[in-house]
Amino acid sequence: DIRLAGQLTALLTVTDELHARATR
């Protein structure tokens, strides 16, 4: 659970960055 939450949190950070770029 801890490992999966960590991997998903890292994926969330990159997804947010890609979203910000697409919005810009």
PDBML (XML) file of the C-alpha atoms, coordinates in Angstrom:
<?xml version="1.0" encoding="UTF-8" ?>
<PDBx:datablock datablockName="MODEL"
   xmlns:PDBx="http://pdbml.pdb.org/schema/pdbx-v50.xsd"
   xmlns:xsi="http://www.w3.org/2001/XMLSchema-instance"
   xsi:schemaLocation="http://pdbml.pdb.org/schema/pdbx-v50.xsd pdbx-v50.xsd">
   <PDBx:atom_siteCategory>
      <PDBx:atom_site id="1">
         <PDBx:B_iso_or_equiv>0.00</PDBx:B_iso_or_equiv>
         <PDBx:Cartn_x>0.000</PDBx:Cartn_x>
         <PDBx:Cartn_y>0.000</PDBx:Cartn_y>
         <PDBx:Cartn_z>0.000</PDBx:Cartn_z>
         <PDBx:auth_asym_id>A</PDBx:auth_asym_id>
         <PDBx:auth_atom_id>CA</PDBx:auth_atom_id>
         <PDBx:auth_comp_id>ASP</PDBx:auth_comp_id>
         <PDBx:auth_seq_id>1</PDBx:auth_seq_id>
         <PDBx:group_PDB>ATOM</PDBx:group_PDB>
         <PDBx:label_alt_id xsi:nil="true" />
         <PDBx:label_asym_id>A</PDBx:label_asym_id>
         <PDBx:label_atom_id>CA</PDBx:label_atom_id>
         <PDBx:label_comp_id>ASP</PDBx:label_comp_id>
         <PDBx:label_entity_id>1</PDBx:label_entity_id>
         <PDBx:label_seq_id>1</PDBx:label_seq_id>
         <PDBx:occupancy>1.00</PDBx:occupancy>
         <PDBx:pdbx_PDB_model_num>1</PDBx:pdbx_PDB_model_num>
         <PDBx:type_symbol>C</PDBx:type_symbol>
      </PDBx:atom_site>
      <PDBx:atom_site id="2">
         <PDBx:B_iso_or_equiv>0.00</PDBx:B_iso_or_equiv>
         <PDBx:Cartn_x>2.779</PDBx:Cartn_x>
         <PDBx:Cartn_y>2.410</PDBx:Cartn_y>
         <PDBx:Cartn_z>0.946</PDBx:Cartn_z>
         <PDBx:auth_asym_id>A</PDBx:auth_asym_id>
         <PDBx:auth_atom_id>CA</PDBx:auth_atom_id>
         <PDBx:auth_comp_id>ILE</PDBx:auth_comp_id>
         <PDBx:auth_seq_id>2</PDBx:auth_seq_id>
         <PDBx:group_PDB>ATOM</PDBx:group_PDB>
         <PDBx:label_alt_id xsi:nil="true" />
         <PDBx:label_asym_id>A</PDBx:label_asym_id>
         <PDBx:label_atom_id>CA</PDBx:label_atom_id>
         <PDBx:label_comp_id>ILE</PDBx:label_comp_id>
         <PDBx:label_entity_id>1</PDBx:label_entity_id>
         <PDBx:label_seq_id>2</PDBx:label_seq_id>
         <PDBx:occupancy>1.00</PDBx:occupancy>
         <PDBx:pdbx_PDB_model_num>1</PDBx:pdbx_PDB_model_num>
         <PDBx:type_symbol>C</PDBx:type_symbol>
      </PDBx:atom_site>
      <PDBx:atom_site id="3">
         <PDBx:B_iso_or_equiv>0.00</PDBx:B_iso_or_equiv>
         <PDBx:Cartn_x>4.773</PDBx:Cartn_x>
         <PDBx:Cartn_y>1.654</PDBx:Cartn_y>
         <PDBx:Cartn_z>-2.217</PDBx:Cartn_z>
         <PDBx:auth_asym_id>A</PDBx:auth_asym_id>
         <PDBx:auth_atom_id>CA</PDBx:auth_atom_id>
         <PDBx:auth_comp_id>ARG</PDBx:auth_comp_id>
         <PDBx:auth_seq_id>3</PDBx:auth_seq_id>
         <PDBx:group_PDB>ATOM</PDBx:group_PDB>
         <PDBx:label_alt_id xsi:nil="true" />
         <PDBx:label_asym_id>A</PDBx:label_asym_id>
         <PDBx:label_atom_id>CA</PDBx:label_atom_id>
         <PDBx:label_comp_id>ARG</PDBx:label_comp_id>
         <PDBx:label_entity_id>1</PDBx:label_entity_id>
         <PDBx:label_seq_id>3</PDBx:label_seq_id>
         <PDBx:occupancy>1.00</PDBx:occupancy>
         <PDBx:pdbx_PDB_model_num>1</PDBx:pdbx_PDB_model_num>
         <PDBx:type_symbol>C</PDBx:type_symbol>
      </PDBx:atom_site>
      <PDBx:atom_site id="4">
         <PDBx:B_iso_or_equiv>0.00</PDBx:B_iso_or_equiv>
         <PDBx:Cartn_x>1.719</PDBx:Cartn_x>
         <PDBx:Cartn_y>1.977</PDBx:Cartn_y>
         <PDBx:Cartn_z>-4.464</PDBx:Cartn_z>
         <PDBx:auth_asym_id>A</PDBx:auth_asym_id>
         <PDBx:auth_atom_id>CA</PDBx:auth_atom_id>
         <PDBx:auth_comp_id>LEU</PDBx:auth_comp_id>
         <PDBx:auth_seq_id>4</PDBx:auth_seq_id>
         <PDBx:group_PDB>ATOM</PDBx:group_PDB>
         <PDBx:label_alt_id xsi:nil="true" />
         <PDBx:label_asym_id>A</PDBx:label_asym_id>
         <PDBx:label_atom_id>CA</PDBx:label_atom_id>
         <PDBx:label_comp_id>LEU</PDBx:label_comp_id>
         <PDBx:label_entity_id>1</PDBx:label_entity_id>
         <PDBx:label_seq_id>4</PDBx:label_seq_id>
         <PDBx:occupancy>1.00</PDBx:occupancy>
         <PDBx:pdbx_PDB_model_num>1</PDBx:pdbx_PDB_model_num>
         <PDBx:type_symbol>C</PDBx:type_symbol>
      </PDBx:atom_site>
      <PDBx:atom_site id="5">
         <PDBx:B_iso_or_equiv>0.00</PDBx:B_iso_or_equiv>
         <PDBx:Cartn_x>0.698</PDBx:Cartn_x>
         <PDBx:Cartn_y>5.259</PDBx:Cartn_y>
         <PDBx:Cartn_z>-2.830</PDBx:Cartn_z>
         <PDBx:auth_asym_id>A</PDBx:auth_asym_id>
         <PDBx:auth_atom_id>CA</PDBx:auth_atom_id>
         <PDBx:auth_comp_id>ALA</PDBx:auth_comp_id>
         <PDBx:auth_seq_id>5</PDBx:auth_seq_id>
         <PDBx:group_PDB>ATOM</PDBx:group_PDB>
         <PDBx:label_alt_id xsi:nil="true" />
         <PDBx:label_asym_id>A</PDBx:label_asym_id>
         <PDBx:label_atom_id>CA</PDBx:label_atom_id>
         <PDBx:label_comp_id>ALA</PDBx:label_comp_id>
         <PDBx:label_entity_id>1</PDBx:label_entity_id>
         <PDBx:label_seq_id>5</PDBx:label_seq_id>
         <PDBx:occupancy>1.00</PDBx:occupancy>
         <PDBx:pdbx_PDB_model_num>1</PDBx:pdbx_PDB_model_num>
         <PDBx:type_symbol>C</PDBx:type_symbol>
      </PDBx:atom_site>
      <PDBx:atom_site id="6">
         <PDBx:B_iso_or_equiv>0.00</PDBx:B_iso_or_equiv>
         <PDBx:Cartn_x>4.240</PDBx:Cartn_x>
         <PDBx:Cartn_y>6.576</PDBx:Cartn_y>
         <PDBx:Cartn_z>-3.370</PDBx:Cartn_z>
         <PDBx:auth_asym_id>A</PDBx:auth_asym_id>
         <PDBx:auth_atom_id>CA</PDBx:auth_atom_id>
         <PDBx:auth_comp_id>GLY</PDBx:auth_comp_id>
         <PDBx:auth_seq_id>6</PDBx:auth_seq_id>
         <PDBx:group_PDB>ATOM</PDBx:group_PDB>
         <PDBx:label_alt_id xsi:nil="true" />
         <PDBx:label_asym_id>A</PDBx:label_asym_id>
         <PDBx:label_atom_id>CA</PDBx:label_atom_id>
         <PDBx:label_comp_id>GLY</PDBx:label_comp_id>
         <PDBx:label_entity_id>1</PDBx:label_entity_id>
         <PDBx:label_seq_id>6</PDBx:label_seq_id>
         <PDBx:occupancy>1.00</PDBx:occupancy>
         <PDBx:pdbx_PDB_model_num>1</PDBx:pdbx_PDB_model_num>
         <PDBx:type_symbol>C</PDBx:type_symbol>
      </PDBx:atom_site>
      <PDBx:atom_site id="7">
         <PDBx:B_iso_or_equiv>0.00</PDBx:B_iso_or_equiv>
         <PDBx:Cartn_x>4.318</PDBx:Cartn_x>
         <PDBx:Cartn_y>5.552</PDBx:Cartn_y>
         <PDBx:Cartn_z>-7.027</PDBx:Cartn_z>
         <PDBx:auth_asym_id>A</PDBx:auth_asym_id>
         <PDBx:auth_atom_id>CA</PDBx:auth_atom_id>
         <PDBx:auth_comp_id>GLN</PDBx:auth_comp_id>
         <PDBx:auth_seq_id>7</PDBx:auth_seq_id>
         <PDBx:group_PDB>ATOM</PDBx:group_PDB>
         <PDBx:label_alt_id xsi:nil="true" />
         <PDBx:label_asym_id>A</PDBx:label_asym_id>
         <PDBx:label_atom_id>CA</PDBx:label_atom_id>
         <PDBx:label_comp_id>GLN</PDBx:label_comp_id>
         <PDBx:label_entity_id>1</PDBx:label_entity_id>
         <PDBx:label_seq_id>7</PDBx:label_seq_id>
         <PDBx:occupancy>1.00</PDBx:occupancy>
         <PDBx:pdbx_PDB_model_num>1</PDBx:pdbx_PDB_model_num>
         <PDBx:type_symbol>C</PDBx:type_symbol>
      </PDBx:atom_site>
      <PDBx:atom_site id="8">
         <PDBx:B_iso_or_equiv>0.00</PDBx:B_iso_or_equiv>
         <PDBx:Cartn_x>0.883</PDBx:Cartn_x>
         <PDBx:Cartn_y>7.073</PDBx:Cartn_y>
         <PDBx:Cartn_z>-7.619</PDBx:Cartn_z>
         <PDBx:auth_asym_id>A</PDBx:auth_asym_id>
         <PDBx:auth_atom_id>CA</PDBx:auth_atom_id>
         <PDBx:auth_comp_id>LEU</PDBx:auth_comp_id>
         <PDBx:auth_seq_id>8</PDBx:auth_seq_id>
         <PDBx:group_PDB>ATOM</PDBx:group_PDB>
         <PDBx:label_alt_id xsi:nil="true" />
         <PDBx:label_asym_id>A</PDBx:label_asym_id>
         <PDBx:label_atom_id>CA</PDBx:label_atom_id>
         <PDBx:label_comp_id>LEU</PDBx:label_comp_id>
         <PDBx:label_entity_id>1</PDBx:label_entity_id>
         <PDBx:label_seq_id>8</PDBx:label_seq_id>
         <PDBx:occupancy>1.00</PDBx:occupancy>
         <PDBx:pdbx_PDB_model_num>1</PDBx:pdbx_PDB_model_num>
         <PDBx:type_symbol>C</PDBx:type_symbol>
      </PDBx:atom_site>
      <PDBx:atom_site id="9">
         <PDBx:B_iso_or_equiv>0.00</PDBx:B_iso_or_equiv>
         <PDBx:Cartn_x>1.883</PDBx:Cartn_x>
         <PDBx:Cartn_y>10.298</PDBx:Cartn_y>
         <PDBx:Cartn_z>-5.863</PDBx:Cartn_z>
         <PDBx:auth_asym_id>A</PDBx:auth_asym_id>
         <PDBx:auth_atom_id>CA</PDBx:auth_atom_id>
         <PDBx:auth_comp_id>THR</PDBx:auth_comp_id>
         <PDBx:auth_seq_id>9</PDBx:auth_seq_id>
         <PDBx:group_PDB>ATOM</PDBx:group_PDB>
         <PDBx:label_alt_id xsi:nil="true" />
         <PDBx:label_asym_id>A</PDBx:label_asym_id>
         <PDBx:label_atom_id>CA</PDBx:label_atom_id>
         <PDBx:label_comp_id>THR</PDBx:label_comp_id>
         <PDBx:label_entity_id>1</PDBx:label_entity_id>
         <PDBx:label_seq_id>9</PDBx:label_seq_id>
         <PDBx:occupancy>1.00</PDBx:occupancy>
         <PDBx:pdbx_PDB_model_num>1</PDBx:pdbx_PDB_model_num>
         <PDBx:type_symbol>C</PDBx:type_symbol>
      </PDBx:atom_site>
      <PDBx:atom_site id="10">
         <PDBx:B_iso_or_equiv>0.00</PDBx:B_iso_or_equiv>
         <PDBx:Cartn_x>4.930</PDBx:Cartn_x>
         <PDBx:Cartn_y>10.605</PDBx:Cartn_y>
         <PDBx:Cartn_z>-8.134</PDBx:Cartn_z>
         <PDBx:auth_asym_id>A</PDBx:auth_asym_id>
         <PDBx:auth_atom_id>CA</PDBx:auth_atom_id>
         <PDBx:auth_comp_id>ALA</PDBx:auth_comp_id>
         <PDBx:auth_seq_id>10</PDBx:auth_seq_id>
         <PDBx:group_PDB>ATOM</PDBx:group_PDB>
         <PDBx:label_alt_id xsi:nil="true" />
         <PDBx:label_asym_id>A</PDBx:label_asym_id>
         <PDBx:label_atom_id>CA</PDBx:label_atom_id>
         <PDBx:label_comp_id>ALA</PDBx:label_comp_id>
         <PDBx:label_entity_id>1</PDBx:label_entity_id>
         <PDBx:label_seq_id>10</PDBx:label_seq_id>
         <PDBx:occupancy>1.00</PDBx:occupancy>
         <PDBx:pdbx_PDB_model_num>1</PDBx:pdbx_PDB_model_num>
         <PDBx:type_symbol>C</PDBx:type_symbol>
      </PDBx:atom_site>
      <PDBx:atom_site id="11">
         <PDBx:B_iso_or_equiv>0.00</PDBx:B_iso_or_equiv>
         <PDBx:Cartn_x>2.684</PDBx:Cartn_x>
         <PDBx:Cartn_y>9.935</PDBx:Cartn_y>
         <PDBx:Cartn_z>-11.153</PDBx:Cartn_z>
         <PDBx:auth_asym_id>A</PDBx:auth_asym_id>
         <PDBx:auth_atom_id>CA</PDBx:auth_atom_id>
         <PDBx:auth_comp_id>LEU</PDBx:auth_comp_id>
         <PDBx:auth_seq_id>11</PDBx:auth_seq_id>
         <PDBx:group_PDB>ATOM</PDBx:group_PDB>
         <PDBx:label_alt_id xsi:nil="true" />
         <PDBx:label_asym_id>A</PDBx:label_asym_id>
         <PDBx:label_atom_id>CA</PDBx:label_atom_id>
         <PDBx:label_comp_id>LEU</PDBx:label_comp_id>
         <PDBx:label_entity_id>1</PDBx:label_entity_id>
         <PDBx:label_seq_id>11</PDBx:label_seq_id>
         <PDBx:occupancy>1.00</PDBx:occupancy>
         <PDBx:pdbx_PDB_model_num>1</PDBx:pdbx_PDB_model_num>
         <PDBx:type_symbol>C</PDBx:type_symbol>
      </PDBx:atom_site>
      <PDBx:atom_site id="12">
         <PDBx:B_iso_or_equiv>0.00</PDBx:B_iso_or_equiv>
         <PDBx:Cartn_x>0.281</PDBx:Cartn_x>
         <PDBx:Cartn_y>12.589</PDBx:Cartn_y>
         <PDBx:Cartn_z>-9.879</PDBx:Cartn_z>
         <PDBx:auth_asym_id>A</PDBx:auth_asym_id>
         <PDBx:auth_atom_id>CA</PDBx:auth_atom_id>
         <PDBx:auth_comp_id>LEU</PDBx:auth_comp_id>
         <PDBx:auth_seq_id>12</PDBx:auth_seq_id>
         <PDBx:group_PDB>ATOM</PDBx:group_PDB>
         <PDBx:label_alt_id xsi:nil="true" />
         <PDBx:label_asym_id>A</PDBx:label_asym_id>
         <PDBx:label_atom_id>CA</PDBx:label_atom_id>
         <PDBx:label_comp_id>LEU</PDBx:label_comp_id>
         <PDBx:label_entity_id>1</PDBx:label_entity_id>
         <PDBx:label_seq_id>12</PDBx:label_seq_id>
         <PDBx:occupancy>1.00</PDBx:occupancy>
         <PDBx:pdbx_PDB_model_num>1</PDBx:pdbx_PDB_model_num>
         <PDBx:type_symbol>C</PDBx:type_symbol>
      </PDBx:atom_site>
      <PDBx:atom_site id="13">
         <PDBx:B_iso_or_equiv>0.00</PDBx:B_iso_or_equiv>
         <PDBx:Cartn_x>3.080</PDBx:Cartn_x>
         <PDBx:Cartn_y>15.160</PDBx:Cartn_y>
         <PDBx:Cartn_z>-9.726</PDBx:Cartn_z>
         <PDBx:auth_asym_id>A</PDBx:auth_asym_id>
         <PDBx:auth_atom_id>CA</PDBx:auth_atom_id>
         <PDBx:auth_comp_id>THR</PDBx:auth_comp_id>
         <PDBx:auth_seq_id>13</PDBx:auth_seq_id>
         <PDBx:group_PDB>ATOM</PDBx:group_PDB>
         <PDBx:label_alt_id xsi:nil="true" />
         <PDBx:label_asym_id>A</PDBx:label_asym_id>
         <PDBx:label_atom_id>CA</PDBx:label_atom_id>
         <PDBx:label_comp_id>THR</PDBx:label_comp_id>
         <PDBx:label_entity_id>1</PDBx:label_entity_id>
         <PDBx:label_seq_id>13</PDBx:label_seq_id>
         <PDBx:occupancy>1.00</PDBx:occupancy>
         <PDBx:pdbx_PDB_model_num>1</PDBx:pdbx_PDB_model_num>
         <PDBx:type_symbol>C</PDBx:type_symbol>
      </PDBx:atom_site>
      <PDBx:atom_site id="14">
         <PDBx:B_iso_or_equiv>0.00</PDBx:B_iso_or_equiv>
         <PDBx:Cartn_x>4.103</PDBx:Cartn_x>
         <PDBx:Cartn_y>14.487</PDBx:Cartn_y>
         <PDBx:Cartn_z>-13.323</PDBx:Cartn_z>
         <PDBx:auth_asym_id>A</PDBx:auth_asym_id>
         <PDBx:auth_atom_id>CA</PDBx:auth_atom_id>
         <PDBx:auth_comp_id>VAL</PDBx:auth_comp_id>
         <PDBx:auth_seq_id>14</PDBx:auth_seq_id>
         <PDBx:group_PDB>ATOM</PDBx:group_PDB>
         <PDBx:label_alt_id xsi:nil="true" />
         <PDBx:label_asym_id>A</PDBx:label_asym_id>
         <PDBx:label_atom_id>CA</PDBx:label_atom_id>
         <PDBx:label_comp_id>VAL</PDBx:label_comp_id>
         <PDBx:label_entity_id>1</PDBx:label_entity_id>
         <PDBx:label_seq_id>14</PDBx:label_seq_id>
         <PDBx:occupancy>1.00</PDBx:occupancy>
         <PDBx:pdbx_PDB_model_num>1</PDBx:pdbx_PDB_model_num>
         <PDBx:type_symbol>C</PDBx:type_symbol>
      </PDBx:atom_site>
      <PDBx:atom_site id="15">
         <PDBx:B_iso_or_equiv>0.00</PDBx:B_iso_or_equiv>
         <PDBx:Cartn_x>0.454</PDBx:Cartn_x>
         <PDBx:Cartn_y>14.464</PDBx:Cartn_y>
         <PDBx:Cartn_z>-14.461</PDBx:Cartn_z>
         <PDBx:auth_asym_id>A</PDBx:auth_asym_id>
         <PDBx:auth_atom_id>CA</PDBx:auth_atom_id>
         <PDBx:auth_comp_id>THR</PDBx:auth_comp_id>
         <PDBx:auth_seq_id>15</PDBx:auth_seq_id>
         <PDBx:group_PDB>ATOM</PDBx:group_PDB>
         <PDBx:label_alt_id xsi:nil="true" />
         <PDBx:label_asym_id>A</PDBx:label_asym_id>
         <PDBx:label_atom_id>CA</PDBx:label_atom_id>
         <PDBx:label_comp_id>THR</PDBx:label_comp_id>
         <PDBx:label_entity_id>1</PDBx:label_entity_id>
         <PDBx:label_seq_id>15</PDBx:label_seq_id>
         <PDBx:occupancy>1.00</PDBx:occupancy>
         <PDBx:pdbx_PDB_model_num>1</PDBx:pdbx_PDB_model_num>
         <PDBx:type_symbol>C</PDBx:type_symbol>
      </PDBx:atom_site>
      <PDBx:atom_site id="16">
         <PDBx:B_iso_or_equiv>0.00</PDBx:B_iso_or_equiv>
         <PDBx:Cartn_x>-0.101</PDBx:Cartn_x>
         <PDBx:Cartn_y>17.851</PDBx:Cartn_y>
         <PDBx:Cartn_z>-12.807</PDBx:Cartn_z>
         <PDBx:auth_asym_id>A</PDBx:auth_asym_id>
         <PDBx:auth_atom_id>CA</PDBx:auth_atom_id>
         <PDBx:auth_comp_id>ASP</PDBx:auth_comp_id>
         <PDBx:auth_seq_id>16</PDBx:auth_seq_id>
         <PDBx:group_PDB>ATOM</PDBx:group_PDB>
         <PDBx:label_alt_id xsi:nil="true" />
         <PDBx:label_asym_id>A</PDBx:label_asym_id>
         <PDBx:label_atom_id>CA</PDBx:label_atom_id>
         <PDBx:label_comp_id>ASP</PDBx:label_comp_id>
         <PDBx:label_entity_id>1</PDBx:label_entity_id>
         <PDBx:label_seq_id>16</PDBx:label_seq_id>
         <PDBx:occupancy>1.00</PDBx:occupancy>
         <PDBx:pdbx_PDB_model_num>1</PDBx:pdbx_PDB_model_num>
         <PDBx:type_symbol>C</PDBx:type_symbol>
      </PDBx:atom_site>
      <PDBx:atom_site id="17">
         <PDBx:B_iso_or_equiv>0.00</PDBx:B_iso_or_equiv>
         <PDBx:Cartn_x>2.978</PDBx:Cartn_x>
         <PDBx:Cartn_y>19.192</PDBx:Cartn_y>
         <PDBx:Cartn_z>-14.600</PDBx:Cartn_z>
         <PDBx:auth_asym_id>A</PDBx:auth_asym_id>
         <PDBx:auth_atom_id>CA</PDBx:auth_atom_id>
         <PDBx:auth_comp_id>GLU</PDBx:auth_comp_id>
         <PDBx:auth_seq_id>17</PDBx:auth_seq_id>
         <PDBx:group_PDB>ATOM</PDBx:group_PDB>
         <PDBx:label_alt_id xsi:nil="true" />
         <PDBx:label_asym_id>A</PDBx:label_asym_id>
         <PDBx:label_atom_id>CA</PDBx:label_atom_id>
         <PDBx:label_comp_id>GLU</PDBx:label_comp_id>
         <PDBx:label_entity_id>1</PDBx:label_entity_id>
         <PDBx:label_seq_id>17</PDBx:label_seq_id>
         <PDBx:occupancy>1.00</PDBx:occupancy>
         <PDBx:pdbx_PDB_model_num>1</PDBx:pdbx_PDB_model_num>
         <PDBx:type_symbol>C</PDBx:type_symbol>
      </PDBx:atom_site>
      <PDBx:atom_site id="18">
         <PDBx:B_iso_or_equiv>0.00</PDBx:B_iso_or_equiv>
         <PDBx:Cartn_x>1.734</PDBx:Cartn_x>
         <PDBx:Cartn_y>17.888</PDBx:Cartn_y>
         <PDBx:Cartn_z>-17.956</PDBx:Cartn_z>
         <PDBx:auth_asym_id>A</PDBx:auth_asym_id>
         <PDBx:auth_atom_id>CA</PDBx:auth_atom_id>
         <PDBx:auth_comp_id>LEU</PDBx:auth_comp_id>
         <PDBx:auth_seq_id>18</PDBx:auth_seq_id>
         <PDBx:group_PDB>ATOM</PDBx:group_PDB>
         <PDBx:label_alt_id xsi:nil="true" />
         <PDBx:label_asym_id>A</PDBx:label_asym_id>
         <PDBx:label_atom_id>CA</PDBx:label_atom_id>
         <PDBx:label_comp_id>LEU</PDBx:label_comp_id>
         <PDBx:label_entity_id>1</PDBx:label_entity_id>
         <PDBx:label_seq_id>18</PDBx:label_seq_id>
         <PDBx:occupancy>1.00</PDBx:occupancy>
         <PDBx:pdbx_PDB_model_num>1</PDBx:pdbx_PDB_model_num>
         <PDBx:type_symbol>C</PDBx:type_symbol>
      </PDBx:atom_site>
      <PDBx:atom_site id="19">
         <PDBx:B_iso_or_equiv>0.00</PDBx:B_iso_or_equiv>
         <PDBx:Cartn_x>-1.721</PDBx:Cartn_x>
         <PDBx:Cartn_y>19.365</PDBx:Cartn_y>
         <PDBx:Cartn_z>-17.258</PDBx:Cartn_z>
         <PDBx:auth_asym_id>A</PDBx:auth_asym_id>
         <PDBx:auth_atom_id>CA</PDBx:auth_atom_id>
         <PDBx:auth_comp_id>HIS</PDBx:auth_comp_id>
         <PDBx:auth_seq_id>19</PDBx:auth_seq_id>
         <PDBx:group_PDB>ATOM</PDBx:group_PDB>
         <PDBx:label_alt_id xsi:nil="true" />
         <PDBx:label_asym_id>A</PDBx:label_asym_id>
         <PDBx:label_atom_id>CA</PDBx:label_atom_id>
         <PDBx:label_comp_id>HIS</PDBx:label_comp_id>
         <PDBx:label_entity_id>1</PDBx:label_entity_id>
         <PDBx:label_seq_id>19</PDBx:label_seq_id>
         <PDBx:occupancy>1.00</PDBx:occupancy>
         <PDBx:pdbx_PDB_model_num>1</PDBx:pdbx_PDB_model_num>
         <PDBx:type_symbol>C</PDBx:type_symbol>
      </PDBx:atom_site>
      <PDBx:atom_site id="20">
         <PDBx:B_iso_or_equiv>0.00</PDBx:B_iso_or_equiv>
         <PDBx:Cartn_x>-0.203</PDBx:Cartn_x>
         <PDBx:Cartn_y>22.769</PDBx:Cartn_y>
         <PDBx:Cartn_z>-16.511</PDBx:Cartn_z>
         <PDBx:auth_asym_id>A</PDBx:auth_asym_id>
         <PDBx:auth_atom_id>CA</PDBx:auth_atom_id>
         <PDBx:auth_comp_id>ALA</PDBx:auth_comp_id>
         <PDBx:auth_seq_id>20</PDBx:auth_seq_id>
         <PDBx:group_PDB>ATOM</PDBx:group_PDB>
         <PDBx:label_alt_id xsi:nil="true" />
         <PDBx:label_asym_id>A</PDBx:label_asym_id>
         <PDBx:label_atom_id>CA</PDBx:label_atom_id>
         <PDBx:label_comp_id>ALA</PDBx:label_comp_id>
         <PDBx:label_entity_id>1</PDBx:label_entity_id>
         <PDBx:label_seq_id>20</PDBx:label_seq_id>
         <PDBx:occupancy>1.00</PDBx:occupancy>
         <PDBx:pdbx_PDB_model_num>1</PDBx:pdbx_PDB_model_num>
         <PDBx:type_symbol>C</PDBx:type_symbol>
      </PDBx:atom_site>
      <PDBx:atom_site id="21">
         <PDBx:B_iso_or_equiv>0.00</PDBx:B_iso_or_equiv>
         <PDBx:Cartn_x>1.737</PDBx:Cartn_x>
         <PDBx:Cartn_y>22.614</PDBx:Cartn_y>
         <PDBx:Cartn_z>-19.803</PDBx:Cartn_z>
         <PDBx:auth_asym_id>A</PDBx:auth_asym_id>
         <PDBx:auth_atom_id>CA</PDBx:auth_atom_id>
         <PDBx:auth_comp_id>ARG</PDBx:auth_comp_id>
         <PDBx:auth_seq_id>21</PDBx:auth_seq_id>
         <PDBx:group_PDB>ATOM</PDBx:group_PDB>
         <PDBx:label_alt_id xsi:nil="true" />
         <PDBx:label_asym_id>A</PDBx:label_asym_id>
         <PDBx:label_atom_id>CA</PDBx:label_atom_id>
         <PDBx:label_comp_id>ARG</PDBx:label_comp_id>
         <PDBx:label_entity_id>1</PDBx:label_entity_id>
         <PDBx:label_seq_id>21</PDBx:label_seq_id>
         <PDBx:occupancy>1.00</PDBx:occupancy>
         <PDBx:pdbx_PDB_model_num>1</PDBx:pdbx_PDB_model_num>
         <PDBx:type_symbol>C</PDBx:type_symbol>
      </PDBx:atom_site>
      <PDBx:atom_site id="22">
         <PDBx:B_iso_or_equiv>0.00</PDBx:B_iso_or_equiv>
         <PDBx:Cartn_x>-1.372</PDBx:Cartn_x>
         <PDBx:Cartn_y>21.637</PDBx:Cartn_y>
         <PDBx:Cartn_z>-21.782</PDBx:Cartn_z>
         <PDBx:auth_asym_id>A</PDBx:auth_asym_id>
         <PDBx:auth_atom_id>CA</PDBx:auth_atom_id>
         <PDBx:auth_comp_id>ALA</PDBx:auth_comp_id>
         <PDBx:auth_seq_id>22</PDBx:auth_seq_id>
         <PDBx:group_PDB>ATOM</PDBx:group_PDB>
         <PDBx:label_alt_id xsi:nil="true" />
         <PDBx:label_asym_id>A</PDBx:label_asym_id>
         <PDBx:label_atom_id>CA</PDBx:label_atom_id>
         <PDBx:label_comp_id>ALA</PDBx:label_comp_id>
         <PDBx:label_entity_id>1</PDBx:label_entity_id>
         <PDBx:label_seq_id>22</PDBx:label_seq_id>
         <PDBx:occupancy>1.00</PDBx:occupancy>
         <PDBx:pdbx_PDB_model_num>1</PDBx:pdbx_PDB_model_num>
         <PDBx:type_symbol>C</PDBx:type_symbol>
      </PDBx:atom_site>
      <PDBx:atom_site id="23">
         <PDBx:B_iso_or_equiv>0.00</PDBx:B_iso_or_equiv>
         <PDBx:Cartn_x>-3.328</PDBx:Cartn_x>
         <PDBx:Cartn_y>24.465</PDBx:Cartn_y>
         <PDBx:Cartn_z>-20.163</PDBx:Cartn_z>
         <PDBx:auth_asym_id>A</PDBx:auth_asym_id>
         <PDBx:auth_atom_id>CA</PDBx:auth_atom_id>
         <PDBx:auth_comp_id>THR</PDBx:auth_comp_id>
         <PDBx:auth_seq_id>23</PDBx:auth_seq_id>
         <PDBx:group_PDB>ATOM</PDBx:group_PDB>
         <PDBx:label_alt_id xsi:nil="true" />
         <PDBx:label_asym_id>A</PDBx:label_asym_id>
         <PDBx:label_atom_id>CA</PDBx:label_atom_id>
         <PDBx:label_comp_id>THR</PDBx:label_comp_id>
         <PDBx:label_entity_id>1</PDBx:label_entity_id>
         <PDBx:label_seq_id>23</PDBx:label_seq_id>
         <PDBx:occupancy>1.00</PDBx:occupancy>
         <PDBx:pdbx_PDB_model_num>1</PDBx:pdbx_PDB_model_num>
         <PDBx:type_symbol>C</PDBx:type_symbol>
      </PDBx:atom_site>
      <PDBx:atom_site id="24">
         <PDBx:B_iso_or_equiv>0.00</PDBx:B_iso_or_equiv>
         <PDBx:Cartn_x>-0.541</PDBx:Cartn_x>
         <PDBx:Cartn_y>26.974</PDBx:Cartn_y>
         <PDBx:Cartn_z>-20.875</PDBx:Cartn_z>
         <PDBx:auth_asym_id>A</PDBx:auth_asym_id>
         <PDBx:auth_atom_id>CA</PDBx:auth_atom_id>
         <PDBx:auth_comp_id>ARG</PDBx:auth_comp_id>
         <PDBx:auth_seq_id>24</PDBx:auth_seq_id>
         <PDBx:group_PDB>ATOM</PDBx:group_PDB>
         <PDBx:label_alt_id xsi:nil="true" />
         <PDBx:label_asym_id>A</PDBx:label_asym_id>
         <PDBx:label_atom_id>CA</PDBx:label_atom_id>
         <PDBx:label_comp_id>ARG</PDBx:label_comp_id>
         <PDBx:label_entity_id>1</PDBx:label_entity_id>
         <PDBx:label_seq_id>24</PDBx:label_seq_id>
         <PDBx:occupancy>1.00</PDBx:occupancy>
         <PDBx:pdbx_PDB_model_num>1</PDBx:pdbx_PDB_model_num>
         <PDBx:type_symbol>C</PDBx:type_symbol>
      </PDBx:atom_site>
   </PDBx:atom_siteCategory>
</PDBx:datablock>
